[in-house]
Amino acid sequence: MFYELRRYKINAGRMDEWVEFMEGTIIPFQVSKGMVIAGSFRGEDDTTYVWLRRFASEEERERQYEAVYQTEHWKNEIAPRVAELMQPDIEVTRIVPTPHSVVS
């Protein structure tokens, strides 16, 4: 099992709109396709957004990426809105919980 720690830079003044879009549209859509979302966070600087997704294996991650990002719904409805609200530089770090972590 591993997590993706995903960090985004949200366009100035758009954080409230971004969080509403993530929690009302993106996260429910991804969960409906099998993604496990472990957390969603906004930075105190009002431009940083971080979230965690959990995967059982690399094979599962590949299947879920396909199930989400290759859909017409994602390509035509979600992705254009994402491009309006955030910078294109996405930082993704794979992390593995340590033995005493509460999320393992």
N, C-alpha and C. Protein backbone atom coordinates (compact mmCIF):
# COMPACT_ATOMS: atom_id res chain seq x y z
N MET A 1 0.84 -1.18 0.00
CA MET A 1 0.00 0.00 0.00
C MET A 1 0.89 1.24 0.00
N PHE A 2 0.43 2.26 -0.71
CA PHE A 2 1.11 3.55 -0.70
C PHE A 2 0.08 4.66 -0.88
N TYR A 3 0.53 5.87 -0.60
CA TYR A 3 -0.30 7.06 -0.77
C TYR A 3 0.33 7.96 -1.81
N GLU A 4 -0.49 8.75 -2.45
CA GLU A 4 -0.01 9.88 -3.23
C GLU A 4 -0.32 11.14 -2.43
N LEU A 5 0.71 11.90 -2.15
CA LEU A 5 0.57 13.22 -1.56
C LEU A 5 0.62 14.18 -2.72
N ARG A 6 -0.49 14.84 -3.00
CA ARG A 6 -0.60 15.71 -4.16
C ARG A 6 -0.72 17.15 -3.69
N ARG A 7 0.16 18.00 -4.20
CA ARG A 7 0.18 19.41 -3.80
C ARG A 7 -0.04 20.28 -5.03
N TYR A 8 -1.03 21.16 -4.92
CA TYR A 8 -1.39 22.06 -6.02
C TYR A 8 -1.24 23.51 -5.59
N LYS A 9 -0.96 24.36 -6.55
CA LYS A 9 -0.97 25.81 -6.33
C LYS A 9 -2.24 26.34 -6.98
N ILE A 10 -3.12 26.88 -6.15
CA ILE A 10 -4.41 27.37 -6.61
C ILE A 10 -4.27 28.85 -6.98
N ASN A 11 -4.93 29.25 -8.05
CA ASN A 11 -4.87 30.64 -8.48
C ASN A 11 -5.35 31.57 -7.38
N ALA A 12 -4.70 32.72 -7.29
CA ALA A 12 -5.01 33.70 -6.25
C ALA A 12 -6.50 34.04 -6.23
N GLY A 13 -7.06 34.02 -5.03
CA GLY A 13 -8.46 34.37 -4.85
C GLY A 13 -9.46 33.29 -5.23
N ARG A 14 -8.99 32.10 -5.58
CA ARG A 14 -9.88 31.05 -6.06
C ARG A 14 -9.98 29.84 -5.12
N MET A 15 -9.35 29.92 -3.94
CA MET A 15 -9.30 28.76 -3.06
C MET A 15 -10.69 28.28 -2.62
N ASP A 16 -11.56 29.17 -2.21
CA ASP A 16 -12.90 28.74 -1.79
C ASP A 16 -13.62 28.02 -2.92
N GLU A 17 -13.50 28.56 -4.11
CA GLU A 17 -14.11 27.96 -5.29
C GLU A 17 -13.49 26.58 -5.58
N TRP A 18 -12.16 26.50 -5.44
CA TRP A 18 -11.46 25.24 -5.67
C TRP A 18 -11.92 24.16 -4.67
N VAL A 19 -11.94 24.51 -3.39
CA VAL A 19 -12.34 23.53 -2.37
C VAL A 19 -13.77 23.06 -2.63
N GLU A 20 -14.65 23.97 -2.97
CA GLU A 20 -16.04 23.59 -3.29
C GLU A 20 -16.08 22.64 -4.49
N PHE A 21 -15.28 22.92 -5.51
CA PHE A 21 -15.23 22.06 -6.69
C PHE A 21 -14.64 20.69 -6.36
N MET A 22 -13.55 20.68 -5.59
CA MET A 22 -12.94 19.40 -5.18
C MET A 22 -13.93 18.56 -4.39
N GLU A 23 -14.52 19.16 -3.36
CA GLU A 23 -15.36 18.39 -2.45
C GLU A 23 -16.74 18.09 -3.03
N GLY A 24 -17.20 18.90 -3.95
CA GLY A 24 -18.52 18.69 -4.52
C GLY A 24 -18.53 17.93 -5.83
N THR A 25 -17.39 17.95 -6.55
CA THR A 25 -17.34 17.34 -7.87
C THR A 25 -16.20 16.32 -8.02
N ILE A 26 -14.98 16.77 -7.86
CA ILE A 26 -13.83 15.90 -8.15
C ILE A 26 -13.76 14.70 -7.22
N ILE A 27 -13.78 14.95 -5.92
CA ILE A 27 -13.65 13.84 -4.97
C ILE A 27 -14.81 12.85 -5.13
N PRO A 28 -16.07 13.30 -5.17
CA PRO A 28 -17.15 12.31 -5.37
C PRO A 28 -17.00 11.52 -6.67
N PHE A 29 -16.58 12.18 -7.74
CA PHE A 29 -16.40 11.47 -9.01
C PHE A 29 -15.30 10.41 -8.88
N GLN A 30 -14.17 10.80 -8.31
CA GLN A 30 -13.07 9.84 -8.18
C GLN A 30 -13.45 8.69 -7.26
N VAL A 31 -14.12 8.97 -6.17
CA VAL A 31 -14.56 7.91 -5.26
C VAL A 31 -15.52 6.97 -5.98
N SER A 32 -16.39 7.50 -6.82
CA SER A 32 -17.33 6.65 -7.56
C SER A 32 -16.61 5.71 -8.52
N LYS A 33 -15.38 6.04 -8.87
CA LYS A 33 -14.58 5.20 -9.77
C LYS A 33 -13.62 4.30 -9.00
N GLY A 34 -13.68 4.33 -7.67
CA GLY A 34 -12.87 3.43 -6.86
C GLY A 34 -11.70 4.05 -6.14
N MET A 35 -11.45 5.32 -6.32
CA MET A 35 -10.34 5.98 -5.62
C MET A 35 -10.65 6.03 -4.13
N VAL A 36 -9.59 5.93 -3.33
CA VAL A 36 -9.71 6.11 -1.89
C VAL A 36 -9.03 7.42 -1.55
N ILE A 37 -9.81 8.39 -1.11
CA ILE A 37 -9.30 9.70 -0.75
C ILE A 37 -9.13 9.72 0.77
N ALA A 38 -7.89 9.89 1.22
CA ALA A 38 -7.60 9.81 2.65
C ALA A 38 -7.61 11.16 3.34
N GLY A 39 -7.56 12.24 2.58
CA GLY A 39 -7.57 13.56 3.20
C GLY A 39 -7.53 14.67 2.17
N SER A 40 -8.05 15.82 2.57
CA SER A 40 -8.11 17.00 1.72
C SER A 40 -7.82 18.20 2.62
N PHE A 41 -6.85 19.04 2.22
CA PHE A 41 -6.38 20.12 3.09
C PHE A 41 -6.12 21.39 2.29
N ARG A 42 -6.39 22.52 2.90
CA ARG A 42 -6.02 23.80 2.30
C ARG A 42 -4.94 24.42 3.17
N GLY A 43 -3.99 25.09 2.52
CA GLY A 43 -2.91 25.74 3.25
C GLY A 43 -3.37 27.06 3.84
N GLU A 44 -2.68 27.50 4.86
CA GLU A 44 -3.00 28.79 5.46
C GLU A 44 -2.67 29.95 4.53
N ASP A 45 -1.83 29.71 3.53
CA ASP A 45 -1.44 30.77 2.60
C ASP A 45 -2.49 31.04 1.53
N ASP A 46 -3.56 30.26 1.50
CA ASP A 46 -4.69 30.43 0.58
C ASP A 46 -4.35 30.18 -0.88
N THR A 47 -3.17 29.60 -1.16
CA THR A 47 -2.86 29.17 -2.52
C THR A 47 -2.42 27.71 -2.57
N THR A 48 -2.19 27.09 -1.43
CA THR A 48 -1.73 25.70 -1.38
C THR A 48 -2.89 24.78 -1.05
N TYR A 49 -3.04 23.75 -1.85
CA TYR A 49 -4.04 22.71 -1.60
C TYR A 49 -3.31 21.37 -1.65
N VAL A 50 -3.58 20.51 -0.67
CA VAL A 50 -2.93 19.20 -0.57
C VAL A 50 -4.00 18.15 -0.34
N TRP A 51 -3.82 17.00 -0.99
CA TRP A 51 -4.71 15.88 -0.70
C TRP A 51 -3.96 14.58 -0.80
N LEU A 52 -4.56 13.54 -0.20
CA LEU A 52 -3.95 12.21 -0.16
C LEU A 52 -4.88 11.19 -0.81
N ARG A 53 -4.29 10.35 -1.64
CA ARG A 53 -5.04 9.22 -2.21
C ARG A 53 -4.27 7.95 -1.86
N ARG A 54 -5.01 6.89 -1.53
CA ARG A 54 -4.40 5.62 -1.14
C ARG A 54 -4.61 4.57 -2.23
N PHE A 55 -3.57 3.79 -2.46
CA PHE A 55 -3.62 2.70 -3.44
C PHE A 55 -3.06 1.43 -2.81
N ALA A 56 -3.67 0.30 -3.10
CA ALA A 56 -3.20 -0.98 -2.59
C ALA A 56 -1.95 -1.44 -3.34
N SER A 57 -1.82 -1.04 -4.61
CA SER A 57 -0.69 -1.48 -5.43
C SER A 57 -0.56 -0.56 -6.64
N GLU A 58 0.55 -0.70 -7.35
CA GLU A 58 0.74 0.07 -8.58
C GLU A 58 -0.31 -0.33 -9.62
N GLU A 59 -0.65 -1.60 -9.67
CA GLU A 59 -1.65 -2.06 -10.63
C GLU A 59 -3.01 -1.41 -10.35
N GLU A 60 -3.36 -1.30 -9.08
CA GLU A 60 -4.62 -0.64 -8.72
C GLU A 60 -4.58 0.83 -9.12
N ARG A 61 -3.45 1.49 -8.86
CA ARG A 61 -3.32 2.91 -9.23
C ARG A 61 -3.52 3.08 -10.73
N GLU A 62 -2.91 2.22 -11.52
CA GLU A 62 -3.05 2.31 -12.97
C GLU A 62 -4.50 2.12 -13.40
N ARG A 63 -5.18 1.14 -12.82
CA ARG A 63 -6.59 0.90 -13.16
C ARG A 63 -7.45 2.11 -12.78
N GLN A 64 -7.21 2.66 -11.61
CA GLN A 64 -8.02 3.79 -11.16
C GLN A 64 -7.73 5.05 -11.96
N TYR A 65 -6.49 5.28 -12.31
CA TYR A 65 -6.17 6.41 -13.18
C TYR A 65 -6.93 6.29 -14.50
N GLU A 66 -6.92 5.10 -15.06
CA GLU A 66 -7.63 4.86 -16.32
C GLU A 66 -9.12 5.13 -16.14
N ALA A 67 -9.69 4.61 -15.05
CA ALA A 67 -11.13 4.73 -14.81
C ALA A 67 -11.55 6.19 -14.61
N VAL A 68 -10.65 7.01 -14.12
CA VAL A 68 -10.98 8.42 -13.87
C VAL A 68 -10.59 9.29 -15.06
N TYR A 69 -9.33 9.29 -15.41
CA TYR A 69 -8.79 10.30 -16.33
C TYR A 69 -9.06 10.03 -17.80
N GLN A 70 -9.51 8.83 -18.14
CA GLN A 70 -9.80 8.53 -19.54
C GLN A 70 -11.29 8.64 -19.87
N THR A 71 -12.09 9.08 -18.92
CA THR A 71 -13.52 9.23 -19.19
C THR A 71 -13.81 10.54 -19.92
N GLU A 72 -14.85 10.53 -20.68
CA GLU A 72 -15.28 11.76 -21.36
C GLU A 72 -15.71 12.81 -20.33
N HIS A 73 -16.32 12.36 -19.25
CA HIS A 73 -16.74 13.30 -18.20
C HIS A 73 -15.53 14.06 -17.66
N TRP A 74 -14.44 13.34 -17.37
CA TRP A 74 -13.25 14.02 -16.85
C TRP A 74 -12.69 14.97 -17.91
N LYS A 75 -12.51 14.47 -19.10
CA LYS A 75 -11.87 15.25 -20.16
C LYS A 75 -12.68 16.49 -20.56
N ASN A 76 -13.99 16.35 -20.62
CA ASN A 76 -14.82 17.42 -21.15
C ASN A 76 -15.42 18.35 -20.10
N GLU A 77 -15.62 17.86 -18.90
CA GLU A 77 -16.29 18.67 -17.89
C GLU A 77 -15.41 19.05 -16.71
N ILE A 78 -14.62 18.12 -16.22
CA ILE A 78 -13.83 18.40 -15.03
C ILE A 78 -12.50 19.06 -15.37
N ALA A 79 -11.75 18.50 -16.29
CA ALA A 79 -10.42 19.02 -16.61
C ALA A 79 -10.41 20.49 -17.03
N PRO A 80 -11.35 20.96 -17.84
CA PRO A 80 -11.33 22.38 -18.19
C PRO A 80 -11.50 23.30 -16.98
N ARG A 81 -12.32 22.89 -16.05
CA ARG A 81 -12.55 23.69 -14.84
C ARG A 81 -11.31 23.68 -13.95
N VAL A 82 -10.65 22.52 -13.86
CA VAL A 82 -9.39 22.42 -13.10
C VAL A 82 -8.39 23.43 -13.65
N ALA A 83 -8.27 23.49 -14.97
CA ALA A 83 -7.32 24.40 -15.61
C ALA A 83 -7.61 25.87 -15.30
N GLU A 84 -8.86 26.21 -15.05
CA GLU A 84 -9.23 27.59 -14.70
C GLU A 84 -8.81 27.95 -13.28
N LEU A 85 -8.81 26.98 -12.39
CA LEU A 85 -8.67 27.26 -10.96
C LEU A 85 -7.27 27.08 -10.39
N MET A 86 -6.44 26.30 -11.06
CA MET A 86 -5.12 26.02 -10.48
C MET A 86 -4.00 26.15 -11.50
N GLN A 87 -2.78 26.27 -11.01
CA GLN A 87 -1.59 26.31 -11.84
C GLN A 87 -1.31 24.90 -12.36
N PRO A 88 -0.67 24.78 -13.52
CA PRO A 88 -0.43 23.44 -14.08
C PRO A 88 0.65 22.64 -13.36
N ASP A 89 1.45 23.27 -12.53
CA ASP A 89 2.51 22.55 -11.82
C ASP A 89 1.92 21.77 -10.66
N ILE A 90 1.91 20.44 -10.80
CA ILE A 90 1.37 19.56 -9.78
C ILE A 90 2.53 18.78 -9.19
N GLU A 91 2.62 18.79 -7.87
CA GLU A 91 3.67 18.05 -7.19
C GLU A 91 3.05 16.78 -6.61
N VAL A 92 3.55 15.62 -7.03
CA VAL A 92 3.05 14.34 -6.55
C VAL A 92 4.19 13.57 -5.91
N THR A 93 4.01 13.17 -4.65
CA THR A 93 5.01 12.40 -3.94
C THR A 93 4.36 11.12 -3.44
N ARG A 94 4.96 10.00 -3.74
CA ARG A 94 4.47 8.73 -3.20
C ARG A 94 5.06 8.56 -1.81
N ILE A 95 4.19 8.20 -0.89
CA ILE A 95 4.64 8.00 0.48
C ILE A 95 4.08 6.68 1.01
N VAL A 96 4.82 6.06 1.93
CA VAL A 96 4.43 4.81 2.54
C VAL A 96 4.37 5.02 4.05
N PRO A 97 3.26 4.62 4.70
CA PRO A 97 3.16 4.84 6.14
C PRO A 97 4.20 4.03 6.92
N THR A 98 4.69 4.62 7.96
CA THR A 98 5.59 3.91 8.86
C THR A 98 4.77 2.99 9.77
N PRO A 99 5.40 2.04 10.44
CA PRO A 99 4.65 1.07 11.24
C PRO A 99 3.72 1.67 12.30
N HIS A 100 4.05 2.80 12.85
CA HIS A 100 3.22 3.38 13.91
C HIS A 100 2.23 4.43 13.41
N SER A 101 2.18 4.62 12.11
CA SER A 101 1.25 5.61 11.54
C SER A 101 -0.19 5.15 11.72
N VAL A 102 -1.08 6.08 12.04
CA VAL A 102 -2.49 5.74 12.22
C VAL A 102 -3.18 5.48 10.89
N VAL A 103 -2.55 5.80 9.78
CA VAL A 103 -3.18 5.57 8.48
C VAL A 103 -2.69 4.30 7.80
N SER A 104 -1.89 3.51 8.48
CA SER A 104 -1.39 2.28 7.83
C SER A 104 -2.39 1.15 7.94
